Amino acid sequence: MGSLKKSSYTIPLPDGATIQNGIATWTSKGKKRTGKLSGENRVFCQSEFWIAKYTDENGKVREVSTKTKDKPAANRILAKLETEVERIRAGVATREELVSAVASKSPIAEILEKYRIKMIAERLSKSHIHGVFQQITDLFAVCQIGTLANIDRNKIEKWIANEVQSGIKTPRTINVYLISTKTFLNWCVENGYLRIQAETL
């Protein structure tokens, strides 16, 4: 049976904090915060978001942020996580299928941000990362592709035809856009966000 909790941690006593009855009060980023004193010049705090604690299909205890401060909403997320585990154990679905299903409905910007972090970790230049992002986002914007589930080969082919006819972009530039997009989509497959290998664009 899963449960909800809030993570605990301590921080140095903030500058300007007032103390009354063992409780420190201060302002951070325009927001009033409080915390119980913990030792000398430290304050005991709790995370704002609820954390779902459950056992996955492999018997491993997992702790996942629900990204919500609302306990009923957090309980619904916990129930969803446990339902997924039950489906996997029953052989109805695989973890890969569930990950792909969630990612396919997520805003493309969320997946692209993970791709950006991956490129930064590979120590690619800022100019390269910026160029790749510009190419992918421009193509997806024109093709009205907001999620991975919206990816449509026909839309992309129409974009290619329009660019060729307008003469605004050279064939070489168009090909650079397609290579960047295909590389991104294949990365999505490798990481379980897509289940079908990207076709040659």
C-alpha atoms as a PDB file:
ATOM      1  CA  MET A   1       0.000   0.000   0.000  1.00  0.00           C
ATOM      2  CA  GLY A   2       1.453   3.328  -1.028  1.00  0.00           C
ATOM      3  CA  SER A   3       1.627   6.472   1.055  1.00  0.00           C
ATOM      4  CA  LEU A   4       2.182  10.214   0.827  1.00  0.00           C
ATOM      5  CA  LYS A   5       4.775  12.273   2.622  1.00  0.00           C
ATOM      6  CA  LYS A   6       6.671  15.529   2.431  1.00  0.00           C
ATOM      7  CA  SER A   7      10.448  15.488   2.427  1.00  0.00           C
ATOM      8  CA  SER A   8      12.221  17.197   5.313  1.00  0.00           C
ATOM      9  CA  TYR A   9      15.466  19.134   5.277  1.00  0.00           C
ATOM     10  CA  THR A  10      17.278  21.912   7.140  1.00  0.00           C
ATOM     11  CA  ILE A  11      18.652  25.202   5.879  1.00  0.00           C
ATOM     12  CA  PRO A  12      20.832  27.903   7.466  1.00  0.00           C
ATOM     13  CA  LEU A  13      18.786  30.456   9.382  1.00  0.00           C
ATOM     14  CA  PRO A  14      17.885  33.049   6.702  1.00  0.00           C
ATOM     15  CA  ASP A  15      19.112  36.620   7.102  1.00  0.00           C
ATOM     16  CA  GLY A  16      16.427  38.861   8.542  1.00  0.00           C
ATOM     17  CA  ALA A  17      14.404  35.971   9.980  1.00  0.00           C
ATOM     18  CA  THR A  18      12.398  36.648  13.129  1.00  0.00           C
ATOM     19  CA  ILE A  19      12.098  34.008  15.841  1.00  0.00           C
ATOM     20  CA  GLN A  20       9.156  33.457  18.154  1.00  0.00           C
ATOM     21  CA  ASN A  21       8.478  30.378  20.297  1.00  0.00           C
ATOM     22  CA  GLY A  22      11.094  28.396  18.398  1.00  0.00           C
ATOM     23  CA  ILE A  23       9.590  29.225  14.987  1.00  0.00           C
ATOM     24  CA  ALA A  24      11.538  31.250  12.418  1.00  0.00           C
ATOM     25  CA  THR A  25       9.683  33.465   9.962  1.00  0.00           C
ATOM     26  CA  TRP A  26      11.239  35.024   6.867  1.00  0.00           C
ATOM     27  CA  THR A  27      10.464  36.118   3.325  1.00  0.00           C
ATOM     28  CA  SER A  28      11.854  34.293   0.282  1.00  0.00           C
ATOM     29  CA  LYS A  29      11.114  35.440  -3.278  1.00  0.00           C
ATOM     30  CA  GLY A  30       8.257  37.564  -2.014  1.00  0.00           C
ATOM     31  CA  LYS A  31       6.662  34.662  -0.134  1.00  0.00           C
ATOM     32  CA  LYS A  32       6.369  34.332   3.630  1.00  0.00           C
ATOM     33  CA  ARG A  33       7.916  31.126   4.973  1.00  0.00           C
ATOM     34  CA  THR A  34       8.193  29.552   8.408  1.00  0.00           C
ATOM     35  CA  GLY A  35      10.229  26.742   9.918  1.00  0.00           C
ATOM     36  CA  LYS A  36      11.027  25.227  13.294  1.00  0.00           C
ATOM     37  CA  LEU A  37      14.480  25.907  14.666  1.00  0.00           C
ATOM     38  CA  SER A  38      16.749  22.881  14.351  1.00  0.00           C
ATOM     39  CA  GLY A  39      19.982  23.193  16.258  1.00  0.00           C
ATOM     40  CA  GLU A  40      22.033  26.348  16.211  1.00  0.00           C
ATOM     41  CA  ASN A  41      21.336  28.731  13.316  1.00  0.00           C
ATOM     42  CA  ARG A  42      19.422  26.157  11.239  1.00  0.00           C
ATOM     43  CA  VAL A  43      15.762  25.807  10.355  1.00  0.00           C
ATOM     44  CA  PHE A  44      13.744  22.628   9.821  1.00  0.00           C
ATOM     45  CA  CYS A  45      11.669  22.799   6.592  1.00  0.00           C
ATOM     46  CA  GLN A  46       9.353  20.584   4.560  1.00  0.00           C
ATOM     47  CA  SER A  47       8.912  20.421   0.800  1.00  0.00           C
ATOM     48  CA  GLU A  48       5.802  22.090  -0.585  1.00  0.00           C
ATOM     49  CA  PHE A  49       4.887  19.186  -2.853  1.00  0.00           C
ATOM     50  CA  TRP A  50       3.606  15.801  -1.736  1.00  0.00           C
ATOM     51  CA  ILE A  51       5.798  12.783  -2.487  1.00  0.00           C
ATOM     52  CA  ALA A  52       4.200   9.477  -3.489  1.00  0.00           C
ATOM     53  CA  LYS A  53       5.868   6.410  -1.988  1.00  0.00           C
ATOM     54  CA  TYR A  54       4.976   3.040  -3.518  1.00  0.00           C
ATOM     55  CA  THR A  55       6.421  -0.345  -4.509  1.00  0.00           C
ATOM     56  CA  ASP A  56       7.004  -0.877  -8.224  1.00  0.00           C
ATOM     57  CA  GLU A  57       6.534  -4.044 -10.281  1.00  0.00           C
ATOM     58  CA  ASN A  58      10.051  -5.225  -9.361  1.00  0.00           C
ATOM     59  CA  GLY A  59       9.461  -4.927  -5.616  1.00  0.00           C
ATOM     60  CA  LYS A  60      11.541  -1.753  -5.364  1.00  0.00           C
ATOM     61  CA  VAL A  61      10.277   1.117  -3.208  1.00  0.00           C
ATOM     62  CA  ARG A  62       9.940   4.294  -5.254  1.00  0.00           C
ATOM     63  CA  GLU A  63       9.480   7.897  -4.163  1.00  0.00           C
ATOM     64  CA  VAL A  64       8.139  10.279  -6.797  1.00  0.00           C
ATOM     65  CA  SER A  65       7.183  13.934  -6.496  1.00  0.00           C
ATOM     66  CA  THR A  66       3.519  14.458  -7.352  1.00  0.00           C
ATOM     67  CA  LYS A  67       4.308  18.100  -8.179  1.00  0.00           C
ATOM     68  CA  THR A  68       1.179  19.183  -6.342  1.00  0.00           C
ATOM     69  CA  LYS A  69       0.511  20.774  -2.939  1.00  0.00           C
ATOM     70  CA  ASP A  70      -3.057  19.448  -2.893  1.00  0.00           C
ATOM     71  CA  LYS A  71      -3.319  16.179  -0.933  1.00  0.00           C
ATOM     72  CA  PRO A  72      -6.456  14.817  -2.700  1.00  0.00           C
ATOM     73  CA  ALA A  73      -4.762  15.438  -6.065  1.00  0.00           C
ATOM     74  CA  ALA A  74      -1.604  13.756  -4.784  1.00  0.00           C
ATOM     75  CA  ASN A  75      -3.681  10.755  -3.674  1.00  0.00           C
ATOM     76  CA  ARG A  76      -5.089  10.440  -7.190  1.00  0.00           C
ATOM     77  CA  ILE A  77      -1.575  10.443  -8.636  1.00  0.00           C
ATOM     78  CA  LEU A  78      -0.511   7.781  -6.132  1.00  0.00           C
ATOM     79  CA  ALA A  79      -3.530   5.657  -7.076  1.00  0.00           C
ATOM     80  CA  LYS A  80      -2.608   6.016 -10.760  1.00  0.00           C
ATOM     81  CA  LEU A  81       0.976   4.889 -10.071  1.00  0.00           C
ATOM     82  CA  GLU A  82      -0.248   1.835  -8.173  1.00  0.00           C
ATOM     83  CA  THR A  83      -2.722   1.003 -10.937  1.00  0.00           C
ATOM     84  CA  GLU A  84       0.124   1.082 -13.462  1.00  0.00           C
ATOM     85  CA  VAL A  85       2.097  -1.373 -11.313  1.00  0.00           C
ATOM     86  CA  GLU A  86      -0.930  -3.694 -11.135  1.00  0.00           C
ATOM     87  CA  ARG A  87      -1.328  -3.576 -14.921  1.00  0.00           C
ATOM     88  CA  ILE A  88       2.343  -4.444 -15.450  1.00  0.00           C
ATOM     89  CA  ARG A  89       2.218  -7.322 -12.958  1.00  0.00           C
ATOM     90  CA  ALA A  90      -0.915  -8.642 -14.662  1.00  0.00           C
ATOM     91  CA  GLY A  91       0.835  -8.562 -18.043  1.00  0.00           C
ATOM     92  CA  VAL A  92      -1.638  -6.036 -19.454  1.00  0.00           C
ATOM     93  CA  ALA A  93       1.079  -3.491 -20.230  1.00  0.00           C
ATOM     94  CA  THR A  94       4.834  -2.995 -19.968  1.00  0.00           C
ATOM     95  CA  ARG A  95       6.658  -0.141 -18.279  1.00  0.00           C
ATOM     96  CA  GLU A  96       8.000   0.939 -21.682  1.00  0.00           C
ATOM     97  CA  GLU A  97       4.468   1.152 -23.091  1.00  0.00           C
ATOM     98  CA  LEU A  98       3.268   3.257 -20.163  1.00  0.00           C
ATOM     99  CA  VAL A  99       6.234   5.633 -20.398  1.00  0.00           C
ATOM    100  CA  SER A 100       5.668   6.017 -24.133  1.00  0.00           C
ATOM    101  CA  ALA A 101       1.936   6.645 -23.640  1.00  0.00           C
ATOM    102  CA  VAL A 102       2.553   9.438 -21.127  1.00  0.00           C
ATOM    103  CA  ALA A 103       5.337  11.050 -23.176  1.00  0.00           C
ATOM    104  CA  SER A 104       3.284  10.996 -26.384  1.00  0.00           C
ATOM    105  CA  LYS A 105       0.675  13.241 -24.725  1.00  0.00           C
ATOM    106  CA  SER A 106       3.149  15.563 -22.988  1.00  0.00           C
ATOM    107  CA  PRO A 107       3.883  18.998 -24.503  1.00  0.00           C
ATOM    108  CA  ILE A 108       6.726  18.629 -26.976  1.00  0.00           C
ATOM    109  CA  ALA A 109       8.565  21.399 -25.100  1.00  0.00           C
ATOM    110  CA  GLU A 110       8.925  19.115 -22.047  1.00  0.00           C
ATOM    111  CA  ILE A 111      10.588  16.385 -24.095  1.00  0.00           C
ATOM    112  CA  LEU A 112      12.782  18.908 -25.895  1.00  0.00           C
ATOM    113  CA  GLU A 113      13.991  20.261 -22.550  1.00  0.00           C
ATOM    114  CA  LYS A 114      15.207  16.767 -21.628  1.00  0.00           C
ATOM    115  CA  TYR A 115      16.913  16.564 -25.018  1.00  0.00           C
ATOM    116  CA  ARG A 116      18.571  19.931 -24.370  1.00  0.00           C
ATOM    117  CA  ILE A 117      19.944  18.682 -21.030  1.00  0.00           C
ATOM    118  CA  LYS A 118      21.279  15.590 -22.804  1.00  0.00           C
ATOM    119  CA  MET A 119      23.123  17.760 -25.354  1.00  0.00           C
ATOM    120  CA  ILE A 120      24.553  19.972 -22.618  1.00  0.00           C
ATOM    121  CA  ALA A 121      25.807  16.853 -20.816  1.00  0.00           C
ATOM    122  CA  GLU A 122      27.547  15.869 -24.048  1.00  0.00           C
ATOM    123  CA  ARG A 123      29.311  19.259 -23.918  1.00  0.00           C
ATOM    124  CA  LEU A 124      28.027  20.389 -27.290  1.00  0.00           C
ATOM    125  CA  SER A 125      28.518  24.073 -28.051  1.00  0.00           C
ATOM    126  CA  LYS A 126      25.812  26.590 -27.137  1.00  0.00           C
ATOM    127  CA  SER A 127      25.549  27.666 -30.763  1.00  0.00           C
ATOM    128  CA  HIS A 128      24.981  24.064 -31.894  1.00  0.00           C
ATOM    129  CA  ILE A 129      22.319  23.441 -29.248  1.00  0.00           C
ATOM    130  CA  HIS A 130      20.588  26.722 -30.099  1.00  0.00           C
ATOM    131  CA  GLY A 131      20.617  25.903 -33.804  1.00  0.00           C
ATOM    132  CA  VAL A 132      19.211  22.404 -33.321  1.00  0.00           C
ATOM    133  CA  PHE A 133      16.448  23.712 -31.053  1.00  0.00           C
ATOM    134  CA  GLN A 134      15.546  26.464 -33.486  1.00  0.00           C
ATOM    135  CA  GLN A 135      15.311  24.009 -36.358  1.00  0.00           C
ATOM    136  CA  ILE A 136      13.158  21.472 -34.496  1.00  0.00           C
ATOM    137  CA  THR A 137      10.829  24.013 -32.871  1.00  0.00           C
ATOM    138  CA  ASP A 138      10.372  25.953 -36.123  1.00  0.00           C
ATOM    139  CA  LEU A 139       9.452  22.793 -38.038  1.00  0.00           C
ATOM    140  CA  PHE A 140       7.067  21.564 -35.323  1.00  0.00           C
ATOM    141  CA  ALA A 141       5.448  25.004 -35.015  1.00  0.00           C
ATOM    142  CA  VAL A 142       4.748  25.290 -38.748  1.00  0.00           C
ATOM    143  CA  CYS A 143       3.462  21.692 -38.856  1.00  0.00           C
ATOM    144  CA  GLN A 144       1.344  22.315 -35.732  1.00  0.00           C
ATOM    145  CA  ILE A 145       2.958  19.444 -33.861  1.00  0.00           C
ATOM    146  CA  GLY A 146       2.436  20.020 -30.142  1.00  0.00           C
ATOM    147  CA  THR A 147       3.059  16.498 -28.827  1.00  0.00           C
ATOM    148  CA  LEU A 148       4.844  13.373 -30.013  1.00  0.00           C
ATOM    149  CA  ALA A 149       1.416  11.881 -30.691  1.00  0.00           C
ATOM    150  CA  ASN A 150       0.795  14.689 -33.224  1.00  0.00           C
ATOM    151  CA  ILE A 151       3.797  13.806 -35.389  1.00  0.00           C
ATOM    152  CA  ASP A 152       2.525  13.303 -38.921  1.00  0.00           C
ATOM    153  CA  ARG A 153       4.771  12.434 -41.876  1.00  0.00           C
ATOM    154  CA  ASN A 154       2.297  14.064 -44.273  1.00  0.00           C
ATOM    155  CA  LYS A 155       2.539  17.386 -42.438  1.00  0.00           C
ATOM    156  CA  ILE A 156       6.317  17.297 -42.633  1.00  0.00           C
ATOM    157  CA  GLU A 157       6.267  16.409 -46.326  1.00  0.00           C
ATOM    158  CA  LYS A 158       3.910  19.340 -46.940  1.00  0.00           C
ATOM    159  CA  TRP A 159       6.362  21.614 -45.110  1.00  0.00           C
ATOM    160  CA  ILE A 160       9.206  20.351 -47.315  1.00  0.00           C
ATOM    161  CA  ALA A 161       7.174  20.965 -50.472  1.00  0.00           C
ATOM    162  CA  ASN A 162       6.247  24.500 -49.379  1.00  0.00           C
ATOM    163  CA  GLU A 163       9.850  25.360 -48.541  1.00  0.00           C
ATOM    164  CA  VAL A 164      11.096  24.004 -51.883  1.00  0.00           C
ATOM    165  CA  GLN A 165       8.444  25.929 -53.844  1.00  0.00           C
ATOM    166  CA  SER A 166       9.017  29.189 -51.970  1.00  0.00           C
ATOM    167  CA  GLY A 167      12.758  28.991 -52.443  1.00  0.00           C
ATOM    168  CA  ILE A 168      13.286  30.631 -49.048  1.00  0.00           C
ATOM    169  CA  LYS A 169      15.392  27.729 -47.811  1.00  0.00           C
ATOM    170  CA  THR A 170      17.970  25.880 -49.873  1.00  0.00           C
ATOM    171  CA  PRO A 171      17.736  22.069 -50.215  1.00  0.00           C
ATOM    172  CA  ARG A 172      20.811  21.850 -47.962  1.00  0.00           C
ATOM    173  CA  THR A 173      19.132  23.927 -45.229  1.00  0.00           C
ATOM    174  CA  ILE A 174      15.946  21.855 -45.459  1.00  0.00           C
ATOM    175  CA  ASN A 175      18.021  18.705 -45.068  1.00  0.00           C
ATOM    176  CA  VAL A 176      19.718  20.130 -41.952  1.00  0.00           C
ATOM    177  CA  TYR A 177      16.267  20.717 -40.402  1.00  0.00           C
ATOM    178  CA  LEU A 178      15.221  17.159 -41.206  1.00  0.00           C
ATOM    179  CA  ILE A 179      18.424  15.627 -39.813  1.00  0.00           C
ATOM    180  CA  SER A 180      18.020  17.547 -36.532  1.00  0.00           C
ATOM    181  CA  THR A 181      14.403  16.462 -36.242  1.00  0.00           C
ATOM    182  CA  LYS A 182      15.099  12.826 -37.113  1.00  0.00           C
ATOM    183  CA  THR A 183      17.965  12.668 -34.600  1.00  0.00           C
ATOM    184  CA  PHE A 184      15.659  14.033 -31.902  1.00  0.00           C
ATOM    185  CA  LEU A 185      12.911  11.527 -32.728  1.00  0.00           C
ATOM    186  CA  ASN A 186      15.328   8.599 -32.712  1.00  0.00           C
ATOM    187  CA  TRP A 187      16.561   9.764 -29.300  1.00  0.00           C
ATOM    188  CA  CYS A 188      12.913   9.717 -28.181  1.00  0.00           C
ATOM    189  CA  VAL A 189      12.691   6.076 -29.300  1.00  0.00           C
ATOM    190  CA  GLU A 190      15.913   5.142 -27.497  1.00  0.00           C
ATOM    191  CA  ASN A 191      14.575   6.667 -24.270  1.00  0.00           C
ATOM    192  CA  GLY A 192      11.126   5.125 -24.497  1.00  0.00           C
ATOM    193  CA  TYR A 193       9.217   8.279 -25.442  1.00  0.00           C
ATOM    194  CA  LEU A 194       8.339   6.832 -28.846  1.00  0.00           C
ATOM    195  CA  ARG A 195       7.848   3.173 -29.699  1.00  0.00           C
ATOM    196  CA  ILE A 196       8.404   3.331 -33.477  1.00  0.00           C
ATOM    197  CA  GLN A 197      11.717   4.269 -35.067  1.00  0.00           C
ATOM    198  CA  ALA A 198      11.577   7.570 -36.918  1.00  0.00           C
ATOM    199  CA  GLU A 199      11.242   7.042 -40.633  1.00  0.00           C
ATOM    200  CA  THR A 200      13.546   8.740 -43.107  1.00  0.00           C
ATOM    201  CA  LEU A 201      12.152  12.232 -43.580  1.00  0.00           C
END
